[in-house]
PDB file of N, CA and C in Angstrom:
ATOM      1  N   MET A   1       0.839  -1.112  -0.057  1.00  0.00           N
ATOM      2  CA  MET A   1      -0.009   0.026  -0.034  1.00  0.00           C
ATOM      3  C   MET A   1       0.957   1.167  -0.037  1.00  0.00           C
ATOM      4  N   PRO A   2       0.633   2.146  -0.852  1.00  0.00           N
ATOM      5  CA  PRO A   2       1.526   3.284  -0.988  1.00  0.00           C
ATOM      6  C   PRO A   2       1.236   4.303   0.204  1.00  0.00           C
ATOM      7  N   LEU A   3       2.258   5.080   0.549  1.00  0.00           N
ATOM      8  CA  LEU A   3       2.093   6.098   1.624  1.00  0.00           C
ATOM      9  C   LEU A   3       1.334   7.252   1.104  1.00  0.00           C
ATOM     10  N   ASP A   4       0.572   7.938   2.143  1.00  0.00           N
ATOM     11  CA  ASP A   4      -0.125   9.161   1.775  1.00  0.00           C
ATOM     12  C   ASP A   4       1.031  10.117   1.323  1.00  0.00           C
ATOM     13  N   PRO A   5       0.819  10.931   0.235  1.00  0.00           N
ATOM     14  CA  PRO A   5       1.742  11.911  -0.240  1.00  0.00           C
ATOM     15  C   PRO A   5       2.330  12.863   0.760  1.00  0.00           C
ATOM     16  N   GLN A   6       1.445  13.280   1.723  1.00  0.00           N
ATOM     17  CA  GLN A   6       1.888  14.225   2.804  1.00  0.00           C
ATOM     18  C   GLN A   6       2.786  13.591   3.684  1.00  0.00           C
ATOM     19  N   VAL A   7       2.533  12.301   4.037  1.00  0.00           N
ATOM     20  CA  VAL A   7       3.348  11.571   4.965  1.00  0.00           C
ATOM     21  C   VAL A   7       4.706  11.221   4.262  1.00  0.00           C
ATOM     22  N   GLN A   8       4.709  10.956   3.058  1.00  0.00           N
ATOM     23  CA  GLN A   8       5.880  10.724   2.208  1.00  0.00           C
ATOM     24  C   GLN A   8       6.728  11.906   2.254  1.00  0.00           C
ATOM     25  N   ALA A   9       6.162  13.137   2.073  1.00  0.00           N
ATOM     26  CA  ALA A   9       6.923  14.334   2.035  1.00  0.00           C
ATOM     27  C   ALA A   9       7.592  14.592   3.377  1.00  0.00           C
ATOM     28  N   LEU A  10       6.814  14.333   4.372  1.00  0.00           N
ATOM     29  CA  LEU A  10       7.384  14.543   5.803  1.00  0.00           C
ATOM     30  C   LEU A  10       8.569  13.607   5.930  1.00  0.00           C
ATOM     31  N   LEU A  11       8.436  12.302   5.654  1.00  0.00           N
ATOM     32  CA  LEU A  11       9.514  11.426   5.887  1.00  0.00           C
ATOM     33  C   LEU A  11      10.683  11.781   5.076  1.00  0.00           C
ATOM     34  N   GLU A  12      10.558  12.218   3.875  1.00  0.00           N
ATOM     35  CA  GLU A  12      11.641  12.651   3.029  1.00  0.00           C
ATOM     36  C   GLU A  12      12.298  13.819   3.599  1.00  0.00           C
ATOM     37  N   ARG A  13      11.586  14.835   4.129  1.00  0.00           N
ATOM     38  CA  ARG A  13      12.147  16.027   4.729  1.00  0.00           C
ATOM     39  C   ARG A  13      12.934  15.645   5.983  1.00  0.00           C
ATOM     40  N   VAL A  14      12.404  14.759   6.751  1.00  0.00           N
ATOM     41  CA  VAL A  14      13.124  14.365   8.050  1.00  0.00           C
ATOM     42  C   VAL A  14      14.389  13.652   7.678  1.00  0.00           C
ATOM     43  N   ALA A  15      14.263  12.805   6.617  1.00  0.00           N
ATOM     44  CA  ALA A  15      15.568  11.967   6.208  1.00  0.00           C
ATOM     45  C   ALA A  15      16.566  12.911   5.664  1.00  0.00           C
ATOM     46  N   SER A  16      16.136  14.015   5.055  1.00  0.00           N
ATOM     47  CA  SER A  16      17.115  14.923   4.476  1.00  0.00           C
ATOM     48  C   SER A  16      17.893  15.626   5.486  1.00  0.00           C
ATOM     49  N   GLY A  17      17.406  15.707   6.649  1.00  0.00           N
ATOM     50  CA  GLY A  17      17.996  16.539   7.664  1.00  0.00           C
ATOM     51  C   GLY A  17      17.797  18.109   7.370  1.00  0.00           C
ATOM     52  N   GLY A  18      16.893  18.551   6.610  1.00  0.00           N
ATOM     53  CA  GLY A  18      16.695  19.848   6.253  1.00  0.00           C
ATOM     54  C   GLY A  18      15.633  20.529   7.124  1.00  0.00           C
ATOM     55  N   GLN A  19      15.669  20.227   8.388  1.00  0.00           N
ATOM     56  CA  GLN A  19      14.659  20.869   9.265  1.00  0.00           C
ATOM     57  C   GLN A  19      15.176  22.164   9.606  1.00  0.00           C
ATOM     58  N   LYS A  20      14.199  23.143   9.586  1.00  0.00           N
ATOM     59  CA  LYS A  20      14.471  24.452  10.108  1.00  0.00           C
ATOM     60  C   LYS A  20      14.354  24.552  11.576  1.00  0.00           C
ATOM     61  N   PRO A  21      15.163  25.455  12.198  1.00  0.00           N
ATOM     62  CA  PRO A  21      15.015  25.545  13.702  1.00  0.00           C
ATOM     63  C   PRO A  21      13.535  26.074  13.922  1.00  0.00           C
ATOM     64  N   ILE A  22      13.031  25.573  15.094  1.00  0.00           N
ATOM     65  CA  ILE A  22      11.568  25.719  15.414  1.00  0.00           C
ATOM     66  C   ILE A  22      11.109  27.317  15.430  1.00  0.00           C
ATOM     67  N   ASP A  23      12.187  28.152  15.770  1.00  0.00           N
ATOM     68  CA  ASP A  23      11.854  29.560  15.897  1.00  0.00           C
ATOM     69  C   ASP A  23      11.961  30.179  14.455  1.00  0.00           C
ATOM     70  N   GLU A  24      12.233  29.477  13.486  1.00  0.00           N
ATOM     71  CA  GLU A  24      12.248  30.034  12.163  1.00  0.00           C
ATOM     72  C   GLU A  24      11.108  29.483  11.284  1.00  0.00           C
ATOM     73  N   ILE A  25      10.371  28.594  11.788  1.00  0.00           N
ATOM     74  CA  ILE A  25       9.291  27.967  10.993  1.00  0.00           C
ATOM     75  C   ILE A  25       7.998  28.899  11.054  1.00  0.00           C
ATOM     76  N   PRO A  26       7.476  29.234   9.854  1.00  0.00           N
ATOM     77  CA  PRO A  26       6.347  30.117   9.920  1.00  0.00           C
ATOM     78  C   PRO A  26       5.090  29.397  10.542  1.00  0.00           C
ATOM     79  N   ILE A  27       4.281  30.082  11.161  1.00  0.00           N
ATOM     80  CA  ILE A  27       3.173  29.547  11.965  1.00  0.00           C
ATOM     81  C   ILE A  27       2.301  28.614  11.130  1.00  0.00           C
ATOM     82  N   ASP A  28       2.046  29.049   9.865  1.00  0.00           N
ATOM     83  CA  ASP A  28       1.128  28.121   9.057  1.00  0.00           C
ATOM     84  C   ASP A  28       1.792  26.758   8.803  1.00  0.00           C
ATOM     85  N   GLU A  29       3.152  26.852   8.493  1.00  0.00           N
ATOM     86  CA  GLU A  29       3.927  25.644   8.200  1.00  0.00           C
ATOM     87  C   GLU A  29       3.965  24.758   9.476  1.00  0.00           C
ATOM     88  N   GLY A  30       4.223  25.384  10.620  1.00  0.00           N
ATOM     89  CA  GLY A  30       4.258  24.640  11.850  1.00  0.00           C
ATOM     90  C   GLY A  30       2.884  23.928  12.112  1.00  0.00           C
ATOM     91  N   ARG A  31       1.906  24.514  11.859  1.00  0.00           N
ATOM     92  CA  ARG A  31       0.582  23.968  12.131  1.00  0.00           C
ATOM     93  C   ARG A  31       0.343  22.772  11.080  1.00  0.00           C
ATOM     94  N   ALA A  32       0.819  22.977   9.844  1.00  0.00           N
ATOM     95  CA  ALA A  32       0.702  21.817   8.942  1.00  0.00           C
ATOM     96  C   ALA A  32       1.524  20.683   9.300  1.00  0.00           C
ATOM     97  N   VAL A  33       2.759  20.875   9.831  1.00  0.00           N
ATOM     98  CA  VAL A  33       3.545  19.717  10.305  1.00  0.00           C
ATOM     99  C   VAL A  33       2.754  19.118  11.564  1.00  0.00           C
ATOM    100  N   GLY A  34       2.289  19.899  12.398  1.00  0.00           N
ATOM    101  CA  GLY A  34       1.565  19.418  13.518  1.00  0.00           C
ATOM    102  C   GLY A  34       0.459  18.488  13.115  1.00  0.00           C
ATOM    103  N   ARG A  35      -0.308  18.825  12.049  1.00  0.00           N
ATOM    104  CA  ARG A  35      -1.462  17.999  11.670  1.00  0.00           C
ATOM    105  C   ARG A  35      -0.919  16.770  10.991  1.00  0.00           C
ATOM    106  N   MET A  36       0.200  16.870  10.318  1.00  0.00           N
ATOM    107  CA  MET A  36       0.751  15.616   9.699  1.00  0.00           C
ATOM    108  C   MET A  36       1.333  14.619  10.853  1.00  0.00           C
ATOM    109  N   LEU A  37       1.932  15.161  11.843  1.00  0.00           N
ATOM    110  CA  LEU A  37       2.368  14.367  12.897  1.00  0.00           C
ATOM    111  C   LEU A  37       1.253  13.650  13.666  1.00  0.00           C
ATOM    112  N   ALA A  38       0.098  14.366  13.737  1.00  0.00           N
ATOM    113  CA  ALA A  38      -1.030  13.830  14.370  1.00  0.00           C
ATOM    114  C   ALA A  38      -1.622  12.567  13.791  1.00  0.00           C
ATOM    115  N   LEU A  39      -1.238  12.356  12.508  1.00  0.00           N
ATOM    116  CA  LEU A  39      -1.690  11.134  11.907  1.00  0.00           C
ATOM    117  C   LEU A  39      -1.012   9.927  12.563  1.00  0.00           C
ATOM    118  N   PHE A  40       0.091  10.110  13.226  1.00  0.00           N
ATOM    119  CA  PHE A  40       0.762   8.991  13.839  1.00  0.00           C
ATOM    120  C   PHE A  40       0.345   8.770  15.355  1.00  0.00           C
ATOM    121  N   ASP A  41      -0.679   9.551  15.853  1.00  0.00           N
ATOM    122  CA  ASP A  41      -1.081   9.436  17.294  1.00  0.00           C
ATOM    123  C   ASP A  41      -1.958   8.293  17.475  1.00  0.00           C
ATOM    124  N   GLY A  42      -2.664   7.827  16.651  1.00  0.00           N
ATOM    125  CA  GLY A  42      -3.705   6.816  16.754  1.00  0.00           C
ATOM    126  C   GLY A  42      -4.926   7.444  17.609  1.00  0.00           C
ATOM    127  N   GLU A  43      -5.706   6.518  18.101  1.00  0.00           N
ATOM    128  CA  GLU A  43      -6.870   6.954  18.968  1.00  0.00           C
ATOM    129  C   GLU A  43      -6.462   7.416  20.297  1.00  0.00           C
ATOM    130  N   PRO A  44      -7.040   8.465  20.833  1.00  0.00           N
ATOM    131  CA  PRO A  44      -6.801   8.864  22.220  1.00  0.00           C
ATOM    132  C   PRO A  44      -7.243   7.803  23.194  1.00  0.00           C
ATOM    133  N   GLU A  45      -6.521   7.674  24.316  1.00  0.00           N
ATOM    134  CA  GLU A  45      -6.907   6.897  25.374  1.00  0.00           C
ATOM    135  C   GLU A  45      -8.061   7.456  26.093  1.00  0.00           C
ATOM    136  N   PRO A  46      -9.044   6.636  26.526  1.00  0.00           N
ATOM    137  CA  PRO A  46     -10.186   7.151  27.335  1.00  0.00           C
ATOM    138  C   PRO A  46      -9.771   7.712  28.627  1.00  0.00           C
ATOM    139  N   VAL A  47     -10.326   8.697  29.107  1.00  0.00           N
ATOM    140  CA  VAL A  47      -9.962   9.321  30.430  1.00  0.00           C
ATOM    141  C   VAL A  47     -11.027   9.126  31.415  1.00  0.00           C
ATOM    142  N   VAL A  48     -10.701   8.501  32.550  1.00  0.00           N
ATOM    143  CA  VAL A  48     -11.765   8.136  33.627  1.00  0.00           C
ATOM    144  C   VAL A  48     -11.969   9.385  34.504  1.00  0.00           C
ATOM    145  N   ALA A  49     -10.881  10.165  34.754  1.00  0.00           N
ATOM    146  CA  ALA A  49     -11.148  11.355  35.753  1.00  0.00           C
ATOM    147  C   ALA A  49      -9.983  12.321  35.515  1.00  0.00           C
ATOM    148  N   VAL A  50     -10.438  13.609  35.600  1.00  0.00           N
ATOM    149  CA  VAL A  50      -9.643  14.728  35.464  1.00  0.00           C
ATOM    150  C   VAL A  50      -9.691  15.475  36.794  1.00  0.00           C
ATOM    151  N   GLU A  51      -8.501  15.827  37.392  1.00  0.00           N
ATOM    152  CA  GLU A  51      -8.529  16.570  38.632  1.00  0.00           C
ATOM    153  C   GLU A  51      -7.490  17.678  38.502  1.00  0.00           C
ATOM    154  N   ASP A  52      -8.018  18.881  38.832  1.00  0.00           N
ATOM    155  CA  ASP A  52      -7.157  19.954  38.987  1.00  0.00           C
ATOM    156  C   ASP A  52      -6.654  20.115  40.427  1.00  0.00           C
ATOM    157  N   ARG A  53      -5.345  20.382  40.490  1.00  0.00           N
ATOM    158  CA  ARG A  53      -4.667  20.422  41.773  1.00  0.00           C
ATOM    159  C   ARG A  53      -3.758  21.750  41.814  1.00  0.00           C
ATOM    160  N   ARG A  54      -3.364  22.096  43.012  1.00  0.00           N
ATOM    161  CA  ARG A  54      -2.380  23.201  43.185  1.00  0.00           C
ATOM    162  C   ARG A  54      -1.296  22.548  44.017  1.00  0.00           C
ATOM    163  N   ILE A  55      -0.045  22.830  43.569  1.00  0.00           N
ATOM    164  CA  ILE A  55       1.177  22.504  44.192  1.00  0.00           C
ATOM    165  C   ILE A  55       1.926  23.651  44.655  1.00  0.00           C
ATOM    166  N   PRO A  56       2.294  23.730  46.003  1.00  0.00           N
ATOM    167  CA  PRO A  56       2.971  24.994  46.460  1.00  0.00           C
ATOM    168  C   PRO A  56       4.348  25.086  45.769  1.00  0.00           C
ATOM    169  N   GLY A  57       4.516  26.329  45.270  1.00  0.00           N
ATOM    170  CA  GLY A  57       5.828  26.655  44.713  1.00  0.00           C
ATOM    171  C   GLY A  57       6.507  27.849  45.430  1.00  0.00           C
ATOM    172  N   PRO A  58       7.709  28.092  45.035  1.00  0.00           N
ATOM    173  CA  PRO A  58       8.479  29.161  45.736  1.00  0.00           C
ATOM    174  C   PRO A  58       7.880  30.564  45.458  1.00  0.00           C
ATOM    175  N   ALA A  59       7.187  30.661  44.376  1.00  0.00           N
ATOM    176  CA  ALA A  59       6.571  32.054  44.097  1.00  0.00           C
ATOM    177  C   ALA A  59       5.024  31.923  44.049  1.00  0.00           C
ATOM    178  N   GLY A  60       4.457  30.904  44.705  1.00  0.00           N
ATOM    179  CA  GLY A  60       2.995  30.742  44.701  1.00  0.00           C
ATOM    180  C   GLY A  60       2.651  29.387  44.205  1.00  0.00           C
ATOM    181  N   ASP A  61       1.391  29.073  44.205  1.00  0.00           N
ATOM    182  CA  ASP A  61       0.848  27.727  43.810  1.00  0.00           C
ATOM    183  C   ASP A  61       1.131  27.513  42.257  1.00  0.00           C
ATOM    184  N   ILE A  62       1.384  26.272  41.969  1.00  0.00           N
ATOM    185  CA  ILE A  62       1.519  25.899  40.595  1.00  0.00           C
ATOM    186  C   ILE A  62       0.209  25.054  40.224  1.00  0.00           C
ATOM    187  N   VAL A  63      -0.589  25.417  39.279  1.00  0.00           N
ATOM    188  CA  VAL A  63      -1.736  24.805  38.905  1.00  0.00           C
ATOM    189  C   VAL A  63      -1.314  23.575  38.003  1.00  0.00           C
ATOM    190  N   VAL A  64      -1.938  22.397  38.330  1.00  0.00           N
ATOM    191  CA  VAL A  64      -1.667  21.273  37.488  1.00  0.00           C
ATOM    192  C   VAL A  64      -3.004  20.542  37.246  1.00  0.00           C
ATOM    193  N   ARG A  65      -3.004  19.908  36.146  1.00  0.00           N
ATOM    194  CA  ARG A  65      -4.235  19.003  35.811  1.00  0.00           C
ATOM    195  C   ARG A  65      -3.737  17.607  35.686  1.00  0.00           C
ATOM    196  N   VAL A  66      -4.298  16.597  36.487  1.00  0.00           N
ATOM    197  CA  VAL A  66      -3.994  15.228  36.453  1.00  0.00           C
ATOM    198  C   VAL A  66      -5.080  14.480  35.722  1.00  0.00           C
ATOM    199  N   TYR A  67      -4.704  13.711  34.728  1.00  0.00           N
ATOM    200  CA  TYR A  67      -5.590  12.890  33.950  1.00  0.00           C
ATOM    201  C   TYR A  67      -5.376  11.426  34.420  1.00  0.00           C
ATOM    202  N   ARG A  68      -6.397  10.672  34.697  1.00  0.00           N
ATOM    203  CA  ARG A  68      -6.260   9.291  35.004  1.00  0.00           C
ATOM    204  C   ARG A  68      -6.986   8.419  33.954  1.00  0.00           C
ATOM    205  N   PRO A  69      -6.198   7.544  33.289  1.00  0.00           N
ATOM    206  CA  PRO A  69      -6.727   6.713  32.218  1.00  0.00           C
ATOM    207  C   PRO A  69      -7.719   5.519  32.781  1.00  0.00           C
TER     208      PRO A  69
END
C-alpha cells in the first residue's frame, strides 16, 4: 500500500535533515507539520477522571491537571 503523499513528504524531509529551527518555521507551516504528525497518534486513550490540583511553589501555587486513564 503506498504512503499518503503528505506523509511521504514529511518522511523525506526528516530523512534529508533539512529541518528549520523551530523559531524559524512560519506559523502556518508549523501547524501543517503538527497536523501531519497527528496522523501517527492513533486513537486517544479514554480518560476516567480529570483533577485540578495546586502544588505549592516558591513564588506561589503551581496549577496542574491530572488525567487518569
